[in-house]
Amino acid sequence: MEIRPATRSDVDELIESFAEAPAAQYHVRGRWDVQQRDDGLFLLARRDGDIVGQTMILRASKYDEVQAAADPAEINGLHAFVRGEGVGTALIRAAEAVAGDWGRPAIGLGVSPDNPAARRLYERLGYELWSGPRVIDRWTEQAADGTVVRTYADECDYLLKRF
């Protein structure tokens, strides 16, 4: 498996693969924009030429209270397109390496309380519940043209791994 930052052609491939999911297309474009601004890296996992997973690593936490307390880089949205084959673990390890290269003291992520399988994975990899309160993950689902479909405000546990 190869994990590397997305290229423009990777983004085009992903957008084409999400032809029936305009909101996913918009999301991919947003991740590309973050990478182009150098606010993070859009990492893709490939196996045998196929994209099998993706994640975004942000240079700084999007949660002000976490940023003030721990100053971590942040994994934002981990998606393994195949399960049980180590894709998620490999993406997390790659994100950790990037955070280390950036000189960050820690890396963190929000996980929904109703996603115990993801939380077990993160804890197995050394992530611990941070000492602050749950965070509110606010995001907007948008159509391919940018029209707002729905806004979200989901309570999440924040897990942190210090280096």
C-alpha atoms as a PDB file:
ATOM      1  CA  MET A   1       0.000   0.000   0.000  1.00  0.00           C
ATOM      2  CA  GLU A   2       1.219   3.468  -0.877  1.00  0.00           C
ATOM      3  CA  ILE A   3       0.118   6.575   1.028  1.00  0.00           C
ATOM      4  CA  ARG A   4       0.910   9.997  -0.345  1.00  0.00           C
ATOM      5  CA  PRO A   5      -0.558  13.480  -0.706  1.00  0.00           C
ATOM      6  CA  ALA A   6      -3.254  13.800  -3.338  1.00  0.00           C
ATOM      7  CA  THR A   7      -2.424  15.208  -6.743  1.00  0.00           C
ATOM      8  CA  ARG A   8      -4.780  17.081  -9.057  1.00  0.00           C
ATOM      9  CA  SER A   9      -5.278  13.891 -11.105  1.00  0.00           C
ATOM     10  CA  ASP A  10      -6.118  11.960  -7.910  1.00  0.00           C
ATOM     11  CA  VAL A  11      -8.748  14.554  -7.057  1.00  0.00           C
ATOM     12  CA  ASP A  12     -10.218  14.310 -10.557  1.00  0.00           C
ATOM     13  CA  GLU A  13     -10.331  10.507 -10.214  1.00  0.00           C
ATOM     14  CA  LEU A  14     -12.097  10.727  -6.849  1.00  0.00           C
ATOM     15  CA  ILE A  15     -14.599  13.267  -8.134  1.00  0.00           C
ATOM     16  CA  GLU A  16     -15.393  10.996 -11.074  1.00  0.00           C
ATOM     17  CA  SER A  17     -15.809   8.007  -8.739  1.00  0.00           C
ATOM     18  CA  PHE A  18     -18.361  10.009  -6.732  1.00  0.00           C
ATOM     19  CA  ALA A  19     -20.478  10.789  -9.806  1.00  0.00           C
ATOM     20  CA  GLU A  20     -23.658   9.809  -7.934  1.00  0.00           C
ATOM     21  CA  ALA A  21     -22.671  11.693  -4.768  1.00  0.00           C
ATOM     22  CA  PRO A  22     -22.380  15.432  -5.455  1.00  0.00           C
ATOM     23  CA  ALA A  23     -21.848  16.258  -1.773  1.00  0.00           C
ATOM     24  CA  ALA A  24     -18.837  13.910  -1.710  1.00  0.00           C
ATOM     25  CA  GLN A  25     -17.478  15.628  -4.809  1.00  0.00           C
ATOM     26  CA  TYR A  26     -17.739  19.007  -3.115  1.00  0.00           C
ATOM     27  CA  HIS A  27     -16.025  17.573  -0.021  1.00  0.00           C
ATOM     28  CA  VAL A  28     -13.101  16.281  -2.098  1.00  0.00           C
ATOM     29  CA  ARG A  29     -12.707  19.699  -3.730  1.00  0.00           C
ATOM     30  CA  GLY A  30     -12.652  21.277  -0.266  1.00  0.00           C
ATOM     31  CA  ARG A  31      -9.886  18.970   0.900  1.00  0.00           C
ATOM     32  CA  TRP A  32      -7.893  19.807  -2.221  1.00  0.00           C
ATOM     33  CA  ASP A  33      -8.336  23.518  -1.471  1.00  0.00           C
ATOM     34  CA  VAL A  34      -7.015  23.013   2.081  1.00  0.00           C
ATOM     35  CA  GLN A  35      -3.940  21.294   0.682  1.00  0.00           C
ATOM     36  CA  GLN A  36      -3.433  24.030  -1.931  1.00  0.00           C
ATOM     37  CA  ARG A  37      -3.498  26.671   0.856  1.00  0.00           C
ATOM     38  CA  ASP A  38      -0.905  24.584   2.771  1.00  0.00           C
ATOM     39  CA  ASP A  39      -3.246  24.330   5.770  1.00  0.00           C
ATOM     40  CA  GLY A  40      -3.032  20.537   5.623  1.00  0.00           C
ATOM     41  CA  LEU A  41      -2.416  17.463   3.497  1.00  0.00           C
ATOM     42  CA  PHE A  42      -5.040  15.371   1.745  1.00  0.00           C
ATOM     43  CA  LEU A  43      -3.602  11.858   2.063  1.00  0.00           C
ATOM     44  CA  LEU A  44      -4.678   8.974  -0.158  1.00  0.00           C
ATOM     45  CA  ALA A  45      -3.999   5.279   0.269  1.00  0.00           C
ATOM     46  CA  ARG A  46      -3.558   3.267  -2.931  1.00  0.00           C
ATOM     47  CA  ARG A  47      -3.296  -0.455  -3.380  1.00  0.00           C
ATOM     48  CA  ASP A  48      -2.715  -1.999  -6.804  1.00  0.00           C
ATOM     49  CA  GLY A  49      -3.458   1.373  -8.381  1.00  0.00           C
ATOM     50  CA  ASP A  50      -6.843   1.796  -6.686  1.00  0.00           C
ATOM     51  CA  ILE A  51      -7.646   4.426  -4.063  1.00  0.00           C
ATOM     52  CA  VAL A  52      -8.590   2.448  -0.943  1.00  0.00           C
ATOM     53  CA  GLY A  53      -8.740   5.233   1.631  1.00  0.00           C
ATOM     54  CA  GLN A  54      -8.340   8.914   2.394  1.00  0.00           C
ATOM     55  CA  THR A  55      -7.849  11.324   5.241  1.00  0.00           C
ATOM     56  CA  MET A  56      -7.104  14.985   5.785  1.00  0.00           C
ATOM     57  CA  ILE A  57      -4.441  16.082   8.234  1.00  0.00           C
ATOM     58  CA  LEU A  58      -4.753  19.690   9.320  1.00  0.00           C
ATOM     59  CA  ARG A  59      -1.784  21.682  10.582  1.00  0.00           C
ATOM     60  CA  ALA A  60      -3.879  22.871  13.545  1.00  0.00           C
ATOM     61  CA  SER A  61      -7.035  21.720  15.317  1.00  0.00           C
ATOM     62  CA  LYS A  62     -10.278  23.243  14.111  1.00  0.00           C
ATOM     63  CA  TYR A  63     -11.518  23.285  17.728  1.00  0.00           C
ATOM     64  CA  ASP A  64     -10.334  26.440  19.492  1.00  0.00           C
ATOM     65  CA  GLU A  65     -10.411  24.883  22.957  1.00  0.00           C
ATOM     66  CA  VAL A  66      -8.266  21.928  21.845  1.00  0.00           C
ATOM     67  CA  GLN A  67      -5.862  24.174  19.949  1.00  0.00           C
ATOM     68  CA  ALA A  68      -5.357  26.401  22.998  1.00  0.00           C
ATOM     69  CA  ALA A  69      -4.773  23.456  25.349  1.00  0.00           C
ATOM     70  CA  ALA A  70      -2.726  20.992  23.280  1.00  0.00           C
ATOM     71  CA  ASP A  71      -1.669  22.630  19.960  1.00  0.00           C
ATOM     72  CA  PRO A  72      -2.145  19.421  17.925  1.00  0.00           C
ATOM     73  CA  ALA A  73      -2.201  18.646  14.242  1.00  0.00           C
ATOM     74  CA  GLU A  74      -5.561  17.048  13.493  1.00  0.00           C
ATOM     75  CA  ILE A  75      -6.876  14.100  11.527  1.00  0.00           C
ATOM     76  CA  ASN A  76     -10.109  15.214   9.902  1.00  0.00           C
ATOM     77  CA  GLY A  77     -12.243  12.512   8.344  1.00  0.00           C
ATOM     78  CA  LEU A  78     -10.648   9.098   8.002  1.00  0.00           C
ATOM     79  CA  HIS A  79     -12.250   6.896   5.338  1.00  0.00           C
ATOM     80  CA  ALA A  80     -11.072   3.376   4.547  1.00  0.00           C
ATOM     81  CA  PHE A  81     -12.961   2.218   1.457  1.00  0.00           C
ATOM     82  CA  VAL A  82     -12.151  -1.392   2.372  1.00  0.00           C
ATOM     83  CA  ARG A  83     -12.496  -2.640   5.949  1.00  0.00           C
ATOM     84  CA  GLY A  84     -10.333  -4.957   7.993  1.00  0.00           C
ATOM     85  CA  GLU A  85      -7.278  -4.696   5.745  1.00  0.00           C
ATOM     86  CA  GLY A  86      -5.173  -2.157   7.670  1.00  0.00           C
ATOM     87  CA  VAL A  87      -6.020   0.838   5.495  1.00  0.00           C
ATOM     88  CA  GLY A  88      -7.236   2.989   8.399  1.00  0.00           C
ATOM     89  CA  THR A  89      -4.215   2.108  10.527  1.00  0.00           C
ATOM     90  CA  ALA A  90      -1.836   2.904   7.670  1.00  0.00           C
ATOM     91  CA  LEU A  91      -3.501   6.281   7.072  1.00  0.00           C
ATOM     92  CA  ILE A  92      -3.298   7.139  10.770  1.00  0.00           C
ATOM     93  CA  ARG A  93       0.394   6.189  10.912  1.00  0.00           C
ATOM     94  CA  ALA A  94       1.078   8.302   7.820  1.00  0.00           C
ATOM     95  CA  ALA A  95      -0.754  11.278   9.370  1.00  0.00           C
ATOM     96  CA  GLU A  96       1.267  10.850  12.564  1.00  0.00           C
ATOM     97  CA  ALA A  97       4.495  10.914  10.542  1.00  0.00           C
ATOM     98  CA  VAL A  98       3.401  14.116   8.807  1.00  0.00           C
ATOM     99  CA  ALA A  99       2.535  15.734  12.155  1.00  0.00           C
ATOM    100  CA  GLY A 100       5.969  14.761  13.437  1.00  0.00           C
ATOM    101  CA  ASP A 101       7.636  16.231  10.342  1.00  0.00           C
ATOM    102  CA  TRP A 102       5.699  19.449  10.985  1.00  0.00           C
ATOM    103  CA  GLY A 103       7.104  19.523  14.530  1.00  0.00           C
ATOM    104  CA  ARG A 104       3.683  19.259  16.164  1.00  0.00           C
ATOM    105  CA  PRO A 105       3.657  18.176  19.842  1.00  0.00           C
ATOM    106  CA  ALA A 106       0.535  16.036  19.382  1.00  0.00           C
ATOM    107  CA  ILE A 107      -2.091  14.823  16.955  1.00  0.00           C
ATOM    108  CA  GLY A 108      -5.786  14.481  17.646  1.00  0.00           C
ATOM    109  CA  LEU A 109      -9.205  13.789  16.194  1.00  0.00           C
ATOM    110  CA  GLY A 110     -12.864  13.915  17.032  1.00  0.00           C
ATOM    111  CA  VAL A 111     -14.804  10.656  17.125  1.00  0.00           C
ATOM    112  CA  SER A 112     -18.546  10.298  17.396  1.00  0.00           C
ATOM    113  CA  PRO A 113     -19.759   8.584  20.588  1.00  0.00           C
ATOM    114  CA  ASP A 114     -21.826   6.271  18.382  1.00  0.00           C
ATOM    115  CA  ASN A 115     -18.734   4.965  16.561  1.00  0.00           C
ATOM    116  CA  PRO A 116     -17.153   2.576  19.098  1.00  0.00           C
ATOM    117  CA  ALA A 117     -15.249   0.601  16.437  1.00  0.00           C
ATOM    118  CA  ALA A 118     -13.346   3.709  15.338  1.00  0.00           C
ATOM    119  CA  ARG A 119     -12.671   4.680  18.927  1.00  0.00           C
ATOM    120  CA  ARG A 120     -11.250   1.207  19.676  1.00  0.00           C
ATOM    121  CA  LEU A 121      -8.909   1.546  16.682  1.00  0.00           C
ATOM    122  CA  TYR A 122      -7.665   4.961  17.804  1.00  0.00           C
ATOM    123  CA  GLU A 123      -7.185   3.820  21.397  1.00  0.00           C
ATOM    124  CA  ARG A 124      -5.309   0.712  20.214  1.00  0.00           C
ATOM    125  CA  LEU A 125      -2.981   3.098  18.358  1.00  0.00           C
ATOM    126  CA  GLY A 126      -2.285   5.131  21.508  1.00  0.00           C
ATOM    127  CA  TYR A 127      -4.908   7.881  21.399  1.00  0.00           C
ATOM    128  CA  GLU A 128      -6.446   8.937  24.711  1.00  0.00           C
ATOM    129  CA  LEU A 129      -9.487  10.989  25.621  1.00  0.00           C
ATOM    130  CA  TRP A 130      -8.314  14.543  26.179  1.00  0.00           C
ATOM    131  CA  SER A 131      -8.976  16.230  29.510  1.00  0.00           C
ATOM    132  CA  GLY A 132     -11.424  18.815  28.167  1.00  0.00           C
ATOM    133  CA  PRO A 133     -15.112  18.525  27.325  1.00  0.00           C
ATOM    134  CA  ARG A 134     -16.595  16.975  24.219  1.00  0.00           C
ATOM    135  CA  VAL A 135     -16.160  19.100  21.113  1.00  0.00           C
ATOM    136  CA  ILE A 136     -18.876  20.124  18.693  1.00  0.00           C
ATOM    137  CA  ASP A 137     -18.027  19.156  15.128  1.00  0.00           C
ATOM    138  CA  ARG A 138     -19.709  21.743  12.917  1.00  0.00           C
ATOM    139  CA  TRP A 139     -19.777  21.154   9.198  1.00  0.00           C
ATOM    140  CA  THR A 140     -21.912  21.820   6.187  1.00  0.00           C
ATOM    141  CA  GLU A 141     -22.986  19.306   3.572  1.00  0.00           C
ATOM    142  CA  GLN A 142     -22.983  20.950   0.179  1.00  0.00           C
ATOM    143  CA  ALA A 143     -24.055  19.943  -3.297  1.00  0.00           C
ATOM    144  CA  ALA A 144     -21.517  19.868  -6.138  1.00  0.00           C
ATOM    145  CA  ASP A 145     -22.328  23.498  -6.969  1.00  0.00           C
ATOM    146  CA  GLY A 146     -21.779  24.612  -3.358  1.00  0.00           C
ATOM    147  CA  THR A 147     -25.451  24.920  -2.427  1.00  0.00           C
ATOM    148  CA  VAL A 148     -25.950  24.129   1.255  1.00  0.00           C
ATOM    149  CA  VAL A 149     -27.843  20.860   1.685  1.00  0.00           C
ATOM    150  CA  ARG A 150     -27.671  20.596   5.473  1.00  0.00           C
ATOM    151  CA  THR A 151     -25.620  21.855   8.399  1.00  0.00           C
ATOM    152  CA  TYR A 152     -24.439  19.637  11.240  1.00  0.00           C
ATOM    153  CA  ALA A 153     -23.376  20.169  14.848  1.00  0.00           C
ATOM    154  CA  ASP A 154     -22.326  16.780  16.197  1.00  0.00           C
ATOM    155  CA  GLU A 155     -20.962  16.203  19.677  1.00  0.00           C
ATOM    156  CA  CYS A 156     -17.675  14.265  19.563  1.00  0.00           C
ATOM    157  CA  ASP A 157     -15.139  12.865  21.971  1.00  0.00           C
ATOM    158  CA  TYR A 158     -11.689  14.278  21.276  1.00  0.00           C
ATOM    159  CA  LEU A 159      -8.809  11.821  21.325  1.00  0.00           C
ATOM    160  CA  LEU A 160      -5.230  12.974  21.529  1.00  0.00           C
ATOM    161  CA  LYS A 161      -1.816  11.373  21.070  1.00  0.00           C
ATOM    162  CA  ARG A 162       1.217  13.268  22.297  1.00  0.00           C
ATOM    163  CA  PHE A 163       4.636  12.705  20.733  1.00  0.00           C
END
